[in-house]
Amino acid sequence: MADVAAGGRWALWLASWWGLKGLLWEFDPSIYVLCLSLATHVRVPPPFGQVPPLLDVFIVYFQCFSPFCSLLFGTLALCYRSPTWLLSSASCAWAAFGRPCWPRRGAQRPARPWLTMLHPYFYWFYRRVPGYGGGEVHIERLWPSGLEAPIDVWYEAGAAPPRPRPILLNVHGGAWRGGEARISPQAPIWQTLAAQGFLIVSCEYRRRRAQWPDQLDDCRAALMWLVREGAAQFHGDLEDLTIAGASAGGHLVALLLAEAVKKQLPLPVTFRAALLFYPALDPADRCRSTVRLPFSCSLLGVRYQMSALEWFFEFFVLKSQRHCWSSAEPLKQLQELRKEQAAAWPPTLVVHGERDGVVPVEHSREFLKTLAELSEEGGVGLRSCDQLLEIPGGRHTFEIVYCDLSDMSYDCTLAWLHQLRSVHKDGSGQG
């Protein structure tokens, strides 16, 4: 049965190329739209959700706006008497009927700028965003001396708070070659936390012209700047430090966490919590959850049965320097930790879509399972302090669409972090 399902997904992927040809050369989008609408019901084989023709970033719009798409395609079916549009309408109606809905609780968060409701990446244009009760959150770009890349800081405007600000250090995603410090699907979370008194530090890193481990070095340098001077400059509390990362940023964060628990950082750092959003924790695909390449090509560095994700990381990020793998595998580094080091790993929330076609959710499951086993809590699958939030039907960067699905993930993330911090305060007698 699994082979039949896999064959169906590949048939849909191949058919979408035919549909894309019709769109580009014949200006007929009907076949391509049908393929996208059908793709809302399956997971594109990872990591092919990041390359044409069935990109996760397209499918998520069809999925979240499936009721509107069903009505639109149904209207086109009536106008053109087209069975293709009719099938697209029926597929979107099926997706709308089967998609779970959650009540929006956005009133608990400050109002987002209207432009960011079209796409969260539009936070890039803002230097000030709303806080609570008419307050403002300032977003300031810094380029500290000695760093190879800039840093964005988010903080509530006004006088310094009576108590030091809790800190969250964020590392953006973008396949190690793209993205930007302020371009983040989780930007509404950073706005909310900054309005609640957090200091958000979003670090940049060298990308397209970088040679590994430049990316990791830049993130480590940003962390050291925060410890040495940034926290004091913005009245931050290093005793209440959370780290977060999405996709490729989650990969870099996991490597920094491994260095922290092994005490390999230039200065001692203790993290209160870690927030990982669809993180690339296993770029070598030791879990064997991504597409394997059925050919060899020495010119491109392809080996027979090599993972497509492994090839991408080795060819574009490591620049074919295979000796760099030992410093670039979070899962492998986790497996090599001693028991006391694994126990020092901070409580971790992983948010991952179950239909992620770029970084498979199996990688997050395996990572948290390994962490629990090393900490001798593997009997229940996860450590008691960790949580894997699997988003039903969620794709890679599913939060780029403003809908109940993204709102639910924001609310759950904020609730988890605040609950963890309140438990810590109660346990230490501070609250």
Protein backbone atom coordinates (compact mmCIF):
# COMPACT_ATOMS: atom_id res chain seq x y z
CA MET A 1 0.00 0.00 0.00
CA ALA A 2 2.87 2.35 0.81
CA ASP A 3 4.39 1.66 -2.62
CA VAL A 4 1.08 2.56 -4.29
CA ALA A 5 0.89 5.84 -2.34
CA ALA A 6 4.50 6.68 -3.20
CA GLY A 7 3.83 5.88 -6.85
CA GLY A 8 0.82 8.18 -6.81
CA ARG A 9 2.86 11.05 -5.40
CA TRP A 10 5.52 10.62 -8.07
CA ALA A 11 2.86 10.42 -10.79
CA LEU A 12 1.39 13.69 -9.49
CA TRP A 13 4.86 15.27 -9.44
CA LEU A 14 5.52 14.27 -13.05
CA ALA A 15 2.07 15.41 -14.16
CA SER A 16 2.70 18.80 -12.59
CA TRP A 17 5.65 19.29 -14.95
CA TRP A 18 3.26 18.80 -17.83
CA GLY A 19 0.90 21.30 -16.20
CA LEU A 20 3.73 23.78 -15.69
CA LYS A 21 4.64 23.48 -19.38
CA GLY A 22 1.05 24.27 -20.28
CA LEU A 23 1.08 27.31 -18.01
CA LEU A 24 4.35 28.75 -19.36
CA TRP A 25 4.07 27.92 -23.06
CA GLU A 26 0.34 27.64 -23.71
CA PHE A 27 -0.92 30.04 -21.02
CA ASP A 28 -3.30 27.36 -19.79
CA PRO A 29 -3.04 27.03 -15.98
CA SER A 30 -5.79 24.43 -15.54
CA ILE A 31 -3.62 21.27 -15.37
CA TYR A 32 -1.03 22.89 -13.12
CA VAL A 33 -3.72 24.22 -10.80
CA LEU A 34 -5.29 20.76 -10.64
CA CYS A 35 -1.92 19.27 -9.63
CA LEU A 36 -1.45 21.89 -6.91
CA SER A 37 -4.96 21.30 -5.57
CA LEU A 38 -4.40 17.53 -5.49
CA ALA A 39 -1.04 18.07 -3.78
CA THR A 40 -2.82 19.58 -0.76
CA HIS A 41 -3.79 16.01 0.22
CA VAL A 42 -0.29 14.48 0.14
CA ARG A 43 3.27 15.27 1.14
CA VAL A 44 5.65 16.07 -1.69
CA PRO A 45 8.65 13.71 -1.26
CA PRO A 46 11.23 15.67 0.78
CA PRO A 47 13.27 17.67 -0.09
CA PHE A 48 11.52 18.19 -3.45
CA GLY A 49 9.02 20.52 -1.80
CA GLN A 50 11.62 23.24 -2.23
CA VAL A 51 12.06 22.88 -5.99
CA PRO A 52 9.60 23.19 -8.90
CA PRO A 53 7.00 22.29 -9.79
CA LEU A 54 5.16 21.45 -6.53
CA LEU A 55 6.68 23.86 -4.04
CA ASP A 56 5.44 23.76 -0.47
CA VAL A 57 5.22 27.56 -0.55
CA PHE A 58 2.56 27.32 -3.32
CA ILE A 59 0.65 24.40 -1.83
CA VAL A 60 0.21 26.13 1.51
CA TYR A 61 -1.84 28.90 -0.15
CA PHE A 62 -4.14 26.35 -1.80
CA GLN A 63 -4.47 24.55 1.51
CA CYS A 64 -5.22 27.54 3.73
CA PHE A 65 -7.50 29.25 1.21
CA SER A 66 -9.14 26.02 0.05
CA PRO A 67 -12.77 27.25 0.53
CA PHE A 68 -12.12 30.33 -1.61
CA CYS A 69 -10.19 28.28 -4.18
CA SER A 70 -13.06 25.78 -4.39
CA LEU A 71 -15.56 28.55 -5.17
CA LEU A 72 -13.20 30.23 -7.65
CA PHE A 73 -12.40 27.05 -9.55
CA GLY A 74 -16.05 26.01 -9.50
CA THR A 75 -16.95 29.32 -11.13
CA LEU A 76 -14.28 28.80 -13.79
CA ALA A 77 -15.63 25.29 -14.40
CA LEU A 78 -19.09 26.73 -15.11
CA CYS A 79 -17.71 29.50 -17.31
CA TYR A 80 -15.44 27.29 -19.41
CA ARG A 81 -17.34 23.99 -19.04
CA SER A 82 -14.04 22.44 -18.05
CA PRO A 83 -13.82 19.13 -16.17
CA THR A 84 -10.27 20.06 -15.10
CA TRP A 85 -11.44 23.15 -13.22
CA LEU A 86 -14.30 21.10 -11.78
CA LEU A 87 -11.85 18.51 -10.41
CA SER A 88 -9.73 21.31 -8.95
CA SER A 89 -12.82 22.73 -7.24
CA ALA A 90 -13.77 19.32 -5.84
CA SER A 91 -10.21 18.72 -4.58
CA CYS A 92 -10.12 22.08 -2.78
CA ALA A 93 -13.58 21.45 -1.33
CA TRP A 94 -12.34 18.12 0.02
CA ALA A 95 -9.31 19.86 1.52
CA ALA A 96 -11.53 22.52 3.12
CA PHE A 97 -13.87 19.91 4.56
CA GLY A 98 -11.08 17.81 6.02
CA ARG A 99 -8.87 20.59 7.37
CA PRO A 100 -9.19 21.09 11.14
CA CYS A 101 -9.90 24.64 12.25
CA TRP A 102 -8.83 26.35 15.44
CA PRO A 103 -10.32 29.50 16.95
CA ARG A 104 -8.15 32.55 16.48
CA ARG A 105 -6.86 34.09 19.66
CA GLY A 106 -4.92 36.90 18.03
CA ALA A 107 -6.37 39.44 20.47
CA GLN A 108 -3.79 38.20 22.97
CA ARG A 109 -1.07 39.50 20.68
CA PRO A 110 -0.47 43.12 19.62
CA ALA A 111 -1.90 44.24 16.31
CA ARG A 112 0.23 43.32 13.34
CA PRO A 113 0.97 45.94 10.66
CA TRP A 114 -1.54 45.31 7.89
CA LEU A 115 1.18 44.70 5.31
CA THR A 116 2.59 41.80 7.32
CA MET A 117 -0.78 40.05 7.14
CA LEU A 118 -0.12 39.61 3.42
CA HIS A 119 3.24 38.02 4.21
CA PRO A 120 5.30 38.04 7.43
CA TYR A 121 8.45 38.81 5.45
CA PHE A 122 7.12 42.37 5.09
CA TYR A 123 8.34 43.05 8.62
CA TRP A 124 11.55 43.86 6.75
CA PHE A 125 10.11 47.31 5.91
CA TYR A 126 9.34 48.29 9.50
CA ARG A 127 11.45 49.97 12.14
CA ARG A 128 8.56 50.31 14.59
CA VAL A 129 5.59 48.00 15.13
CA PRO A 130 2.67 48.18 17.59
CA GLY A 131 2.98 47.02 21.17
CA TYR A 132 0.29 46.81 23.83
CA GLY A 133 -1.88 49.75 24.92
CA GLY A 134 -0.57 52.16 22.33
CA GLY A 135 3.06 51.26 23.01
CA GLU A 136 5.67 50.60 20.36
CA VAL A 137 8.27 47.98 19.64
CA HIS A 138 11.44 49.31 18.07
CA ILE A 139 13.46 47.25 15.60
CA GLU A 140 17.02 48.47 15.40
CA ARG A 141 19.80 47.23 13.13
CA LEU A 142 23.30 47.08 14.60
CA TRP A 143 26.67 46.09 13.20
CA PRO A 144 28.84 45.51 16.28
CA SER A 145 32.58 45.81 15.91
CA GLY A 146 34.28 42.52 15.10
CA LEU A 147 31.20 40.83 13.62
CA GLU A 148 31.00 39.81 9.97
CA ALA A 149 27.21 40.27 9.82
CA PRO A 150 24.63 42.66 11.33
CA ILE A 151 22.16 42.07 14.14
CA ASP A 152 18.56 43.19 14.61
CA VAL A 153 17.26 43.93 18.11
CA TRP A 154 13.55 44.16 18.99
CA TYR A 155 12.62 45.86 22.25
CA GLU A 156 9.78 47.80 23.84
CA ALA A 157 10.22 51.55 23.47
CA GLY A 158 10.52 53.77 26.52
CA ALA A 159 12.63 53.90 29.62
CA ALA A 160 14.63 50.88 30.74
CA PRO A 161 12.39 48.37 32.53
CA PRO A 162 12.68 47.94 36.33
CA ARG A 163 13.90 44.38 35.81
CA PRO A 164 16.29 43.04 33.17
CA ARG A 165 14.60 41.89 29.98
CA PRO A 166 14.35 38.18 29.19
CA ILE A 167 16.32 37.51 26.01
CA LEU A 168 15.56 35.49 22.90
CA LEU A 169 18.28 34.94 20.31
CA ASN A 170 16.90 34.04 16.88
CA VAL A 171 18.68 32.54 13.87
CA HIS A 172 16.79 32.84 10.58
CA GLY A 173 16.35 30.16 7.93
CA GLY A 174 16.72 30.26 4.16
CA ALA A 175 18.48 27.02 3.13
CA TRP A 176 21.81 28.39 4.45
CA ARG A 177 22.00 30.57 1.33
CA GLY A 178 19.04 32.95 1.65
CA GLY A 179 16.79 34.64 4.15
CA GLU A 180 17.53 37.65 6.30
CA ALA A 181 17.53 38.53 10.00
CA ARG A 182 14.17 40.32 9.82
CA ILE A 183 12.62 37.99 7.22
CA SER A 184 11.07 35.36 9.45
CA PRO A 185 7.73 33.51 9.41
CA GLN A 186 7.88 33.74 13.22
CA ALA A 187 8.15 37.56 13.23
CA PRO A 188 4.67 37.94 14.85
CA ILE A 189 6.00 35.91 17.81
CA TRP A 190 9.02 38.21 18.13
CA GLN A 191 6.72 41.25 18.01
CA THR A 192 4.55 39.79 20.79
CA LEU A 193 7.46 38.83 23.01
CA ALA A 194 9.13 42.23 22.54
CA ALA A 195 5.84 43.92 23.48
CA GLN A 196 5.77 41.72 26.60
CA GLY A 197 9.19 42.95 27.68
CA PHE A 198 11.60 40.55 25.93
CA LEU A 199 14.76 41.60 24.18
CA ILE A 200 14.78 39.87 20.78
CA VAL A 201 18.18 39.55 19.11
CA SER A 202 17.97 38.28 15.53
CA CYS A 203 21.38 37.56 14.08
CA GLU A 204 22.50 37.56 10.47
CA TYR A 205 25.19 35.32 8.98
CA ARG A 206 27.20 35.10 5.78
CA ARG A 207 25.46 33.00 3.15
CA ARG A 208 26.08 32.74 -0.60
CA ARG A 209 29.80 33.54 -0.50
CA ALA A 210 30.35 31.72 2.76
CA GLN A 211 32.44 28.62 3.23
CA TRP A 212 31.33 26.38 6.06
CA PRO A 213 31.62 26.94 9.01
CA ASP A 214 31.31 30.71 8.34
CA GLN A 215 27.56 30.55 9.00
CA LEU A 216 28.04 28.86 12.36
CA ASP A 217 30.96 31.15 13.26
CA ASP A 218 28.79 34.24 12.67
CA CYS A 219 25.98 32.89 14.88
CA ARG A 220 28.49 32.04 17.62
CA ALA A 221 30.00 35.52 17.33
CA ALA A 222 26.54 37.09 17.70
CA LEU A 223 25.94 35.00 20.82
CA MET A 224 29.29 36.06 22.28
CA TRP A 225 28.54 39.72 21.52
CA LEU A 226 25.26 39.30 23.38
CA VAL A 227 27.02 37.79 26.39
CA ARG A 228 29.90 40.29 26.48
CA GLU A 229 28.11 43.57 25.79
CA GLY A 230 24.74 43.30 24.07
CA ALA A 231 22.78 42.15 27.12
CA ALA A 232 24.17 44.98 29.25
CA GLN A 233 23.60 47.55 26.48
CA PHE A 234 19.89 46.68 26.19
CA HIS A 235 19.29 45.72 29.82
CA GLY A 236 18.92 42.02 29.05
CA ASP A 237 18.96 39.12 31.50
CA LEU A 238 21.45 36.42 30.55
CA GLU A 239 19.97 34.20 33.25
CA ASP A 240 16.77 34.08 31.20
CA LEU A 241 18.05 33.30 27.71
CA THR A 242 16.05 31.43 25.04
CA ILE A 243 17.37 30.49 21.61
CA ALA A 244 15.27 29.94 18.48
CA GLY A 245 15.81 28.97 14.86
CA ALA A 246 13.80 27.96 11.82
CA SER A 247 14.78 25.47 9.10
CA ALA A 248 18.48 26.12 8.38
CA GLY A 249 18.49 28.40 11.41
CA GLY A 250 17.27 25.49 13.52
CA HIS A 251 20.25 23.50 12.27
CA LEU A 252 22.66 26.25 13.36
CA VAL A 253 20.91 26.63 16.72
CA ALA A 254 21.20 22.89 17.42
CA LEU A 255 24.94 23.05 16.75
CA LEU A 256 25.29 26.01 19.14
CA LEU A 257 23.33 24.10 21.78
CA ALA A 258 25.65 21.12 21.37
CA GLU A 259 28.65 23.40 21.91
CA ALA A 260 26.99 24.95 24.96
CA VAL A 261 26.25 21.65 26.73
CA LYS A 262 29.77 20.42 25.91
CA LYS A 263 31.13 23.72 27.28
CA GLN A 264 33.00 24.47 24.06
CA LEU A 265 31.82 28.09 23.72
CA PRO A 266 34.34 30.87 24.46
CA LEU A 267 32.18 31.95 27.42
CA PRO A 268 29.82 29.86 29.54
CA VAL A 269 26.22 30.17 28.34
CA THR A 270 23.10 28.54 29.78
CA PHE A 271 19.86 28.53 27.81
CA ARG A 272 16.47 28.52 29.48
CA ALA A 273 14.70 27.01 26.44
CA ALA A 274 15.01 26.29 22.72
CA LEU A 275 12.36 26.92 20.05
CA LEU A 276 12.97 25.06 16.78
CA PHE A 277 10.68 25.48 13.79
CA TYR A 278 10.89 22.69 11.16
CA PRO A 279 14.64 22.47 11.86
CA ALA A 280 17.13 20.75 9.55
CA LEU A 281 18.55 18.54 12.30
CA ASP A 282 19.72 15.72 10.04
CA PRO A 283 21.16 17.17 6.80
CA ALA A 284 22.91 13.86 6.07
CA ASP A 285 19.50 12.12 6.35
CA ARG A 286 20.65 9.36 8.64
CA CYS A 287 16.93 8.70 9.20
CA ARG A 288 16.54 7.87 5.48
CA SER A 289 13.39 9.95 5.15
CA THR A 290 14.20 11.89 1.99
CA VAL A 291 14.47 11.03 -1.70
CA ARG A 292 17.51 8.94 -2.65
CA LEU A 293 19.15 9.82 -5.97
CA PRO A 294 19.10 6.82 -8.36
CA PHE A 295 22.29 7.73 -10.24
CA SER A 296 25.90 8.85 -9.85
CA CYS A 297 27.55 11.98 -11.25
CA SER A 298 31.05 12.80 -10.07
CA LEU A 299 30.94 16.24 -11.71
CA LEU A 300 28.04 17.25 -9.44
CA GLY A 301 29.19 15.24 -6.45
CA VAL A 302 26.24 12.83 -6.66
CA ARG A 303 26.72 9.28 -5.39
CA TYR A 304 24.31 6.46 -6.07
CA GLN A 305 21.50 6.28 -3.47
CA MET A 306 22.70 9.54 -1.91
CA SER A 307 20.00 11.56 -0.17
CA ALA A 308 18.92 14.58 -2.19
CA LEU A 309 19.06 16.64 1.02
CA GLU A 310 22.55 15.35 1.76
CA TRP A 311 23.66 16.23 -1.76
CA PHE A 312 22.25 19.77 -1.50
CA PHE A 313 23.98 20.40 1.82
CA GLU A 314 27.29 18.91 0.74
CA PHE A 315 27.37 20.59 -2.68
CA PHE A 316 25.98 24.06 -1.87
CA VAL A 317 26.79 24.55 1.82
CA LEU A 318 29.93 22.49 2.46
CA LYS A 319 31.12 23.27 -1.09
CA SER A 320 32.05 19.59 -1.56
CA GLN A 321 34.41 19.70 1.42
CA ARG A 322 33.34 16.34 2.83
CA HIS A 323 35.69 16.59 5.80
CA CYS A 324 33.42 19.35 7.16
CA TRP A 325 30.56 16.94 7.86
CA SER A 326 31.72 16.21 11.40
CA SER A 327 31.09 19.85 12.40
CA ALA A 328 27.75 20.13 10.61
CA GLU A 329 25.55 17.26 11.85
CA PRO A 330 23.40 18.06 14.90
CA LEU A 331 21.97 14.54 15.14
CA LYS A 332 25.41 12.94 15.06
CA GLN A 333 26.76 15.40 17.61
CA LEU A 334 23.76 14.68 19.84
CA GLN A 335 24.40 10.95 19.63
CA GLU A 336 27.97 11.54 20.82
CA LEU A 337 26.96 13.43 23.98
CA ARG A 338 27.54 11.95 27.38
CA LYS A 339 24.59 11.41 29.69
CA GLU A 340 25.24 14.51 31.81
CA GLN A 341 25.68 16.63 28.69
CA ALA A 342 22.38 15.43 27.23
CA ALA A 343 20.69 16.13 30.57
CA ALA A 344 21.94 19.74 30.33
CA TRP A 345 20.19 20.22 26.97
CA PRO A 346 17.52 22.90 27.56
CA PRO A 347 13.77 22.17 27.30
CA THR A 348 12.97 22.17 23.61
CA LEU A 349 9.81 22.86 21.61
CA VAL A 350 9.89 21.68 18.00
CA VAL A 351 7.15 22.93 15.66
CA HIS A 352 7.00 20.87 12.49
CA GLY A 353 4.38 20.32 9.79
CA GLU A 354 3.43 16.70 9.24
CA ARG A 355 3.43 17.24 5.45
CA ASP A 356 6.68 19.18 5.27
CA GLY A 357 8.10 18.49 1.82
CA VAL A 358 11.50 20.09 2.48
CA VAL A 359 12.65 18.89 5.91
CA PRO A 360 10.72 15.75 6.92
CA VAL A 361 9.11 15.68 10.36
CA GLU A 362 10.79 12.28 10.91
CA HIS A 363 14.06 14.14 11.49
CA SER A 364 12.58 16.06 14.43
CA ARG A 365 11.02 12.90 15.85
CA GLU A 366 14.33 11.07 15.71
CA PHE A 367 16.25 13.95 17.25
CA LEU A 368 13.93 14.28 20.25
CA LYS A 369 13.77 10.51 20.64
CA THR A 370 17.57 10.32 20.72
CA LEU A 371 17.73 13.16 23.24
CA ALA A 372 15.26 11.33 25.50
CA GLU A 373 17.18 8.06 25.25
CA LEU A 374 20.45 9.74 26.15
CA SER A 375 18.77 11.39 29.12
CA GLU A 376 17.24 8.05 30.16
CA GLU A 377 13.71 9.30 29.56
CA GLY A 378 13.18 7.33 26.37
CA GLY A 379 10.42 5.18 27.83
CA VAL A 380 7.81 7.81 27.00
CA GLY A 381 9.30 8.82 23.64
CA LEU A 382 10.25 12.39 24.68
CA ARG A 383 11.80 14.02 27.69
CA SER A 384 9.15 15.38 30.04
CA CYS A 385 10.35 18.94 29.36
CA ASP A 386 10.27 18.68 25.55
CA GLN A 387 7.38 18.89 23.13
CA LEU A 388 6.95 18.12 19.45
CA LEU A 389 4.08 20.14 18.01
CA GLU A 390 3.15 18.45 14.73
CA ILE A 391 0.98 20.77 12.67
CA PRO A 392 -1.78 18.76 10.92
CA GLY A 393 -1.26 19.16 7.19
CA GLY A 394 1.49 21.71 7.81
CA ARG A 395 4.03 22.44 5.08
CA HIS A 396 7.47 24.00 5.26
CA THR A 397 7.13 27.66 6.38
CA PHE A 398 3.36 27.16 6.66
CA GLU A 399 3.11 30.40 8.72
CA ILE A 400 3.64 32.60 5.67
CA VAL A 401 -0.15 32.50 5.18
CA TYR A 402 -2.17 34.45 7.73
CA CYS A 403 -4.80 31.94 8.82
CA ASP A 404 -5.98 29.90 11.82
CA LEU A 405 -3.17 27.38 11.27
CA SER A 406 -0.41 29.97 11.70
CA ASP A 407 -2.27 31.63 14.58
CA MET A 408 -2.56 28.29 16.36
CA SER A 409 1.16 27.65 16.07
CA TYR A 410 1.97 31.14 17.38
CA ASP A 411 -0.40 30.73 20.34
CA CYS A 412 0.97 27.29 21.23
CA THR A 413 4.58 28.49 21.03
CA LEU A 414 3.93 31.49 23.27
CA ALA A 415 1.93 29.40 25.74
CA TRP A 416 4.67 26.75 25.96
CA LEU A 417 7.42 29.31 26.52
CA HIS A 418 5.49 31.27 29.16
CA GLN A 419 4.45 28.10 30.98
CA LEU A 420 8.06 26.89 31.04
CA ARG A 421 9.30 30.21 32.40
CA SER A 422 6.57 30.35 35.06
CA VAL A 423 7.36 26.81 36.22
CA HIS A 424 11.05 27.72 36.43
CA LYS A 425 10.30 30.81 38.52
CA ASP A 426 8.00 28.86 40.84
CA GLY A 427 10.63 26.15 41.23
CA SER A 428 13.32 28.67 42.11
CA GLY A 429 11.14 30.55 44.51
CA GLN A 430 10.99 33.70 42.38
CA GLY A 431 7.31 33.68 41.63
